[in-house]
Amino acid sequence: MSEELSMIVAMIRPSRLGPVKQALAEAGAPSLTVTRVSGRGTQEPTTGQWRGEEYTVDLHEKTKIECVVSEDVDVEEVVEAIREAAHTGEPGDGKIFVLPVDDAVQIRTEKRGRDAV
């Protein structure tokens, strides 16, 4: 396709989902997919006790946000909106990835490319 589509994938703290959704809407990218995931990065494992037994949690709950935007939406503005809304300053704030998208097809209407987004 000649049109440029980009997928922005962000792994964030679940508690930051509300502010990120609002920031995406304000940046002109209100469409998104949200998935609950687990993962680890630089965030330290946490320990706890349950029934007298100590346990370690090294996979932390995260929220994965996927958002596809066309060339009429500034990708850098969307990335910065997510970064600002998800930022707490603590380890475990998450990561943002930007990927090229070759094509998109809307199932109901069969529209393709930016028209499908």
N, C-alpha and C. Protein backbone atom coordinates (compact mmCIF):
# COMPACT_ATOMS: atom_id res chain seq x y z
N MET A 1 0.85 -1.18 0.00
CA MET A 1 0.00 0.00 0.00
C MET A 1 0.89 1.24 0.00
N SER A 2 0.45 2.28 -0.66
CA SER A 2 1.22 3.52 -0.69
C SER A 2 0.94 4.37 0.54
N GLU A 3 -0.20 4.15 1.18
CA GLU A 3 -0.53 4.92 2.37
C GLU A 3 0.25 4.39 3.55
N GLU A 4 0.62 5.28 4.43
CA GLU A 4 1.39 4.87 5.59
C GLU A 4 0.48 4.64 6.79
N LEU A 5 0.54 3.43 7.33
CA LEU A 5 -0.17 3.08 8.55
C LEU A 5 0.86 2.66 9.58
N SER A 6 0.64 3.02 10.83
CA SER A 6 1.54 2.64 11.91
C SER A 6 0.74 2.05 13.05
N MET A 7 1.31 1.02 13.67
CA MET A 7 0.70 0.45 14.87
C MET A 7 1.56 0.87 16.05
N ILE A 8 0.90 1.42 17.04
CA ILE A 8 1.56 1.81 18.28
C ILE A 8 1.12 0.80 19.33
N VAL A 9 2.09 0.12 19.92
CA VAL A 9 1.84 -0.87 20.95
C VAL A 9 2.48 -0.37 22.23
N ALA A 10 1.69 -0.28 23.29
CA ALA A 10 2.21 0.20 24.57
C ALA A 10 1.89 -0.79 25.67
N MET A 11 2.87 -1.08 26.50
CA MET A 11 2.68 -1.89 27.70
C MET A 11 2.74 -0.92 28.87
N ILE A 12 1.64 -0.79 29.61
CA ILE A 12 1.57 0.20 30.68
C ILE A 12 1.04 -0.42 31.97
N ARG A 13 1.11 0.34 33.04
CA ARG A 13 0.50 -0.08 34.30
C ARG A 13 -1.02 -0.06 34.13
N PRO A 14 -1.72 -1.07 34.65
CA PRO A 14 -3.18 -1.09 34.53
C PRO A 14 -3.84 0.17 35.11
N SER A 15 -3.27 0.73 36.14
CA SER A 15 -3.86 1.92 36.77
C SER A 15 -3.79 3.17 35.89
N ARG A 16 -2.99 3.14 34.83
CA ARG A 16 -2.82 4.30 33.95
C ARG A 16 -3.68 4.21 32.69
N LEU A 17 -4.53 3.17 32.58
CA LEU A 17 -5.35 3.00 31.38
C LEU A 17 -6.29 4.18 31.15
N GLY A 18 -6.99 4.64 32.17
CA GLY A 18 -7.93 5.76 32.02
C GLY A 18 -7.26 7.00 31.46
N PRO A 19 -6.17 7.47 32.08
CA PRO A 19 -5.49 8.65 31.54
C PRO A 19 -4.96 8.44 30.12
N VAL A 20 -4.49 7.23 29.80
CA VAL A 20 -3.97 6.97 28.45
C VAL A 20 -5.10 7.00 27.43
N LYS A 21 -6.25 6.42 27.75
CA LYS A 21 -7.40 6.48 26.83
C LYS A 21 -7.80 7.92 26.55
N GLN A 22 -7.84 8.73 27.58
CA GLN A 22 -8.20 10.13 27.41
C GLN A 22 -7.15 10.86 26.56
N ALA A 23 -5.88 10.59 26.81
CA ALA A 23 -4.80 11.23 26.04
C ALA A 23 -4.85 10.81 24.57
N LEU A 24 -5.17 9.55 24.30
CA LEU A 24 -5.29 9.09 22.91
C LEU A 24 -6.44 9.80 22.20
N ALA A 25 -7.56 9.95 22.87
CA ALA A 25 -8.70 10.65 22.27
C ALA A 25 -8.34 12.09 21.95
N GLU A 26 -7.63 12.75 22.86
CA GLU A 26 -7.22 14.14 22.64
C GLU A 26 -6.20 14.27 21.52
N ALA A 27 -5.40 13.20 21.30
CA ALA A 27 -4.38 13.22 20.24
C ALA A 27 -4.96 12.83 18.88
N GLY A 28 -6.25 12.51 18.83
CA GLY A 28 -6.89 12.16 17.56
C GLY A 28 -6.81 10.69 17.21
N ALA A 29 -6.53 9.85 18.20
CA ALA A 29 -6.43 8.40 17.96
C ALA A 29 -7.28 7.66 18.98
N PRO A 30 -8.61 7.79 18.91
CA PRO A 30 -9.47 7.21 19.94
C PRO A 30 -9.67 5.69 19.84
N SER A 31 -9.38 5.09 18.67
CA SER A 31 -9.59 3.65 18.48
C SER A 31 -8.42 2.87 19.06
N LEU A 32 -8.72 1.86 19.87
CA LEU A 32 -7.66 1.08 20.46
C LEU A 32 -8.16 -0.30 20.85
N THR A 33 -7.23 -1.20 21.06
CA THR A 33 -7.50 -2.54 21.58
C THR A 33 -6.73 -2.67 22.87
N VAL A 34 -7.38 -3.20 23.91
CA VAL A 34 -6.76 -3.33 25.22
C VAL A 34 -6.75 -4.80 25.62
N THR A 35 -5.60 -5.26 26.09
CA THR A 35 -5.43 -6.65 26.52
C THR A 35 -4.70 -6.65 27.87
N ARG A 36 -5.12 -7.53 28.76
CA ARG A 36 -4.38 -7.72 30.02
C ARG A 36 -3.28 -8.74 29.77
N VAL A 37 -2.05 -8.36 30.14
CA VAL A 37 -0.90 -9.23 29.92
C VAL A 37 -0.04 -9.26 31.18
N SER A 38 0.92 -10.17 31.23
CA SER A 38 1.91 -10.22 32.29
C SER A 38 3.28 -10.17 31.67
N GLY A 39 4.22 -9.58 32.38
CA GLY A 39 5.57 -9.51 31.84
C GLY A 39 6.54 -8.99 32.88
N ARG A 40 7.80 -8.95 32.48
CA ARG A 40 8.80 -8.39 33.38
C ARG A 40 9.84 -7.67 32.56
N GLY A 41 10.42 -6.69 33.19
CA GLY A 41 11.48 -5.90 32.57
C GLY A 41 12.42 -5.48 33.68
N THR A 42 12.56 -4.19 33.89
CA THR A 42 13.47 -3.70 34.92
C THR A 42 12.80 -3.60 36.29
N GLN A 43 11.49 -3.79 36.33
CA GLN A 43 10.77 -3.70 37.59
C GLN A 43 11.16 -4.87 38.49
N GLU A 44 11.50 -4.56 39.75
CA GLU A 44 11.94 -5.57 40.70
C GLU A 44 10.82 -6.55 41.03
N PRO A 45 11.16 -7.83 41.26
CA PRO A 45 10.16 -8.79 41.73
C PRO A 45 9.64 -8.37 43.10
N THR A 46 8.39 -8.70 43.36
CA THR A 46 7.83 -8.42 44.68
C THR A 46 7.64 -9.73 45.43
N THR A 47 7.74 -9.66 46.75
CA THR A 47 7.53 -10.85 47.57
C THR A 47 6.32 -10.61 48.46
N GLY A 48 5.69 -11.69 48.83
CA GLY A 48 4.54 -11.61 49.71
C GLY A 48 4.43 -12.89 50.51
N GLN A 49 3.45 -12.92 51.37
CA GLN A 49 3.20 -14.12 52.15
C GLN A 49 1.74 -14.51 52.01
N TRP A 50 1.53 -15.80 51.93
CA TRP A 50 0.18 -16.34 51.86
C TRP A 50 0.17 -17.61 52.68
N ARG A 51 -0.67 -17.62 53.70
CA ARG A 51 -0.77 -18.77 54.61
C ARG A 51 0.58 -19.18 55.18
N GLY A 52 1.37 -18.18 55.52
CA GLY A 52 2.65 -18.44 56.15
C GLY A 52 3.78 -18.77 55.20
N GLU A 53 3.49 -18.90 53.94
CA GLU A 53 4.52 -19.21 52.94
C GLU A 53 4.89 -17.95 52.18
N GLU A 54 6.17 -17.73 51.98
CA GLU A 54 6.64 -16.59 51.21
C GLU A 54 6.66 -16.97 49.73
N TYR A 55 6.26 -16.03 48.89
CA TYR A 55 6.29 -16.27 47.45
C TYR A 55 6.82 -15.03 46.75
N THR A 56 7.32 -15.22 45.53
CA THR A 56 7.87 -14.13 44.73
C THR A 56 7.06 -13.99 43.44
N VAL A 57 6.73 -12.76 43.12
CA VAL A 57 6.03 -12.46 41.87
C VAL A 57 7.00 -11.70 40.97
N ASP A 58 7.43 -12.35 39.89
CA ASP A 58 8.34 -11.65 38.97
C ASP A 58 7.70 -11.33 37.63
N LEU A 59 6.47 -11.79 37.41
CA LEU A 59 5.69 -11.38 36.25
C LEU A 59 4.62 -10.42 36.74
N HIS A 60 4.71 -9.18 36.31
CA HIS A 60 3.80 -8.15 36.79
C HIS A 60 2.66 -7.94 35.80
N GLU A 61 1.47 -7.64 36.33
CA GLU A 61 0.32 -7.36 35.47
C GLU A 61 0.56 -6.06 34.72
N LYS A 62 0.29 -6.09 33.44
CA LYS A 62 0.40 -4.92 32.59
C LYS A 62 -0.84 -4.85 31.71
N THR A 63 -1.05 -3.70 31.12
CA THR A 63 -2.11 -3.52 30.14
C THR A 63 -1.45 -3.21 28.81
N LYS A 64 -1.82 -3.99 27.79
CA LYS A 64 -1.28 -3.80 26.45
C LYS A 64 -2.30 -3.02 25.63
N ILE A 65 -1.85 -1.93 25.05
CA ILE A 65 -2.71 -1.09 24.22
C ILE A 65 -2.16 -1.13 22.80
N GLU A 66 -3.04 -1.40 21.84
CA GLU A 66 -2.67 -1.38 20.44
C GLU A 66 -3.54 -0.35 19.72
N CYS A 67 -2.90 0.47 18.92
CA CYS A 67 -3.59 1.56 18.24
C CYS A 67 -2.98 1.71 16.85
N VAL A 68 -3.80 1.61 15.81
CA VAL A 68 -3.32 1.79 14.44
C VAL A 68 -3.77 3.16 13.96
N VAL A 69 -2.83 3.93 13.44
CA VAL A 69 -3.14 5.27 12.95
C VAL A 69 -2.65 5.42 11.51
N SER A 70 -3.33 6.27 10.76
CA SER A 70 -2.93 6.55 9.38
C SER A 70 -2.08 7.82 9.37
N GLU A 71 -1.63 8.18 8.19
CA GLU A 71 -0.69 9.30 8.05
C GLU A 71 -1.29 10.64 8.47
N ASP A 72 -2.62 10.75 8.55
CA ASP A 72 -3.21 12.03 8.94
C ASP A 72 -3.18 12.24 10.46
N VAL A 73 -2.68 11.27 11.21
CA VAL A 73 -2.49 11.42 12.66
C VAL A 73 -0.99 11.38 12.92
N ASP A 74 -0.48 12.36 13.65
CA ASP A 74 0.94 12.44 13.95
C ASP A 74 1.34 11.35 14.94
N VAL A 75 2.11 10.37 14.47
CA VAL A 75 2.51 9.24 15.31
C VAL A 75 3.29 9.72 16.53
N GLU A 76 4.19 10.67 16.35
CA GLU A 76 4.98 11.17 17.48
C GLU A 76 4.10 11.82 18.54
N GLU A 77 3.05 12.50 18.11
CA GLU A 77 2.11 13.12 19.05
C GLU A 77 1.37 12.04 19.86
N VAL A 78 1.00 10.95 19.20
CA VAL A 78 0.32 9.85 19.87
C VAL A 78 1.26 9.18 20.87
N VAL A 79 2.50 8.93 20.46
CA VAL A 79 3.50 8.31 21.34
C VAL A 79 3.74 9.20 22.56
N GLU A 80 3.88 10.49 22.34
CA GLU A 80 4.13 11.41 23.45
C GLU A 80 2.91 11.49 24.38
N ALA A 81 1.71 11.43 23.82
CA ALA A 81 0.50 11.44 24.65
C ALA A 81 0.46 10.22 25.56
N ILE A 82 0.79 9.05 25.01
CA ILE A 82 0.82 7.83 25.82
C ILE A 82 1.89 7.94 26.88
N ARG A 83 3.09 8.38 26.49
CA ARG A 83 4.20 8.48 27.42
C ARG A 83 3.87 9.39 28.60
N GLU A 84 3.31 10.55 28.31
CA GLU A 84 2.98 11.49 29.38
C GLU A 84 1.89 10.94 30.30
N ALA A 85 0.87 10.31 29.71
CA ALA A 85 -0.25 9.80 30.52
C ALA A 85 0.13 8.57 31.34
N ALA A 86 1.08 7.77 30.85
CA ALA A 86 1.47 6.54 31.55
C ALA A 86 2.61 6.75 32.53
N HIS A 87 3.28 7.89 32.48
CA HIS A 87 4.48 8.14 33.28
C HIS A 87 4.18 8.33 34.75
N THR A 88 4.86 7.54 35.60
CA THR A 88 4.81 7.74 37.05
C THR A 88 6.19 8.05 37.59
N GLY A 89 7.23 7.75 36.81
CA GLY A 89 8.60 7.97 37.26
C GLY A 89 9.19 6.78 37.99
N GLU A 90 8.44 5.73 38.15
CA GLU A 90 8.90 4.53 38.85
C GLU A 90 9.23 3.43 37.84
N PRO A 91 10.13 2.49 38.21
CA PRO A 91 10.36 1.35 37.32
C PRO A 91 9.05 0.59 37.09
N GLY A 92 8.85 0.14 35.88
CA GLY A 92 7.62 -0.59 35.56
C GLY A 92 6.59 0.27 34.86
N ASP A 93 6.94 1.49 34.48
CA ASP A 93 6.00 2.35 33.75
C ASP A 93 5.62 1.75 32.40
N GLY A 94 6.53 0.99 31.78
CA GLY A 94 6.20 0.31 30.54
C GLY A 94 7.05 0.73 29.37
N LYS A 95 6.63 0.32 28.19
CA LYS A 95 7.34 0.59 26.94
C LYS A 95 6.33 0.90 25.84
N ILE A 96 6.81 1.61 24.82
CA ILE A 96 5.99 1.92 23.64
C ILE A 96 6.77 1.46 22.42
N PHE A 97 6.10 0.76 21.52
CA PHE A 97 6.71 0.30 20.27
C PHE A 97 5.90 0.87 19.10
N VAL A 98 6.60 1.27 18.03
CA VAL A 98 5.95 1.76 16.82
C VAL A 98 6.34 0.84 15.68
N LEU A 99 5.33 0.27 15.01
CA LEU A 99 5.56 -0.70 13.95
C LEU A 99 4.87 -0.26 12.67
N PRO A 100 5.47 -0.53 11.51
CA PRO A 100 4.78 -0.25 10.26
C PRO A 100 3.68 -1.29 10.01
N VAL A 101 2.60 -0.87 9.37
CA VAL A 101 1.51 -1.77 9.02
C VAL A 101 1.39 -1.76 7.50
N ASP A 102 1.46 -2.95 6.90
CA ASP A 102 1.39 -3.04 5.44
C ASP A 102 0.01 -2.74 4.90
N ASP A 103 -1.03 -3.21 5.58
CA ASP A 103 -2.39 -3.03 5.08
C ASP A 103 -3.36 -3.25 6.22
N ALA A 104 -4.57 -2.79 6.04
CA ALA A 104 -5.67 -3.03 6.98
C ALA A 104 -6.93 -3.23 6.17
N VAL A 105 -7.80 -4.14 6.63
CA VAL A 105 -9.05 -4.42 5.94
C VAL A 105 -10.17 -4.39 6.96
N GLN A 106 -11.18 -3.57 6.72
CA GLN A 106 -12.35 -3.56 7.60
C GLN A 106 -13.28 -4.67 7.12
N ILE A 107 -13.59 -5.58 8.00
CA ILE A 107 -14.35 -6.79 7.62
C ILE A 107 -15.73 -6.45 7.09
N ARG A 108 -16.47 -5.60 7.79
CA ARG A 108 -17.86 -5.32 7.41
C ARG A 108 -17.96 -4.64 6.06
N THR A 109 -17.14 -3.61 5.82
CA THR A 109 -17.28 -2.80 4.61
C THR A 109 -16.27 -3.15 3.51
N GLU A 110 -15.27 -3.96 3.84
CA GLU A 110 -14.20 -4.33 2.93
C GLU A 110 -13.30 -3.15 2.56
N LYS A 111 -13.38 -2.05 3.31
CA LYS A 111 -12.49 -0.91 3.06
C LYS A 111 -11.07 -1.33 3.40
N ARG A 112 -10.12 -0.69 2.70
CA ARG A 112 -8.71 -1.03 2.90
C ARG A 112 -7.89 0.21 3.23
N GLY A 113 -6.71 -0.02 3.81
CA GLY A 113 -5.77 1.06 4.10
C GLY A 113 -6.32 2.03 5.12
N ARG A 114 -6.06 3.31 4.88
CA ARG A 114 -6.48 4.33 5.86
C ARG A 114 -8.00 4.40 6.00
N ASP A 115 -8.74 4.04 4.97
CA ASP A 115 -10.20 4.04 5.07
C ASP A 115 -10.70 2.99 6.06
N ALA A 116 -9.93 1.94 6.26
CA ALA A 116 -10.30 0.88 7.20
C ALA A 116 -9.99 1.27 8.64
N VAL A 117 -9.06 2.19 8.79
CA VAL A 117 -8.64 2.62 10.12
C VAL A 117 -9.54 3.75 10.58
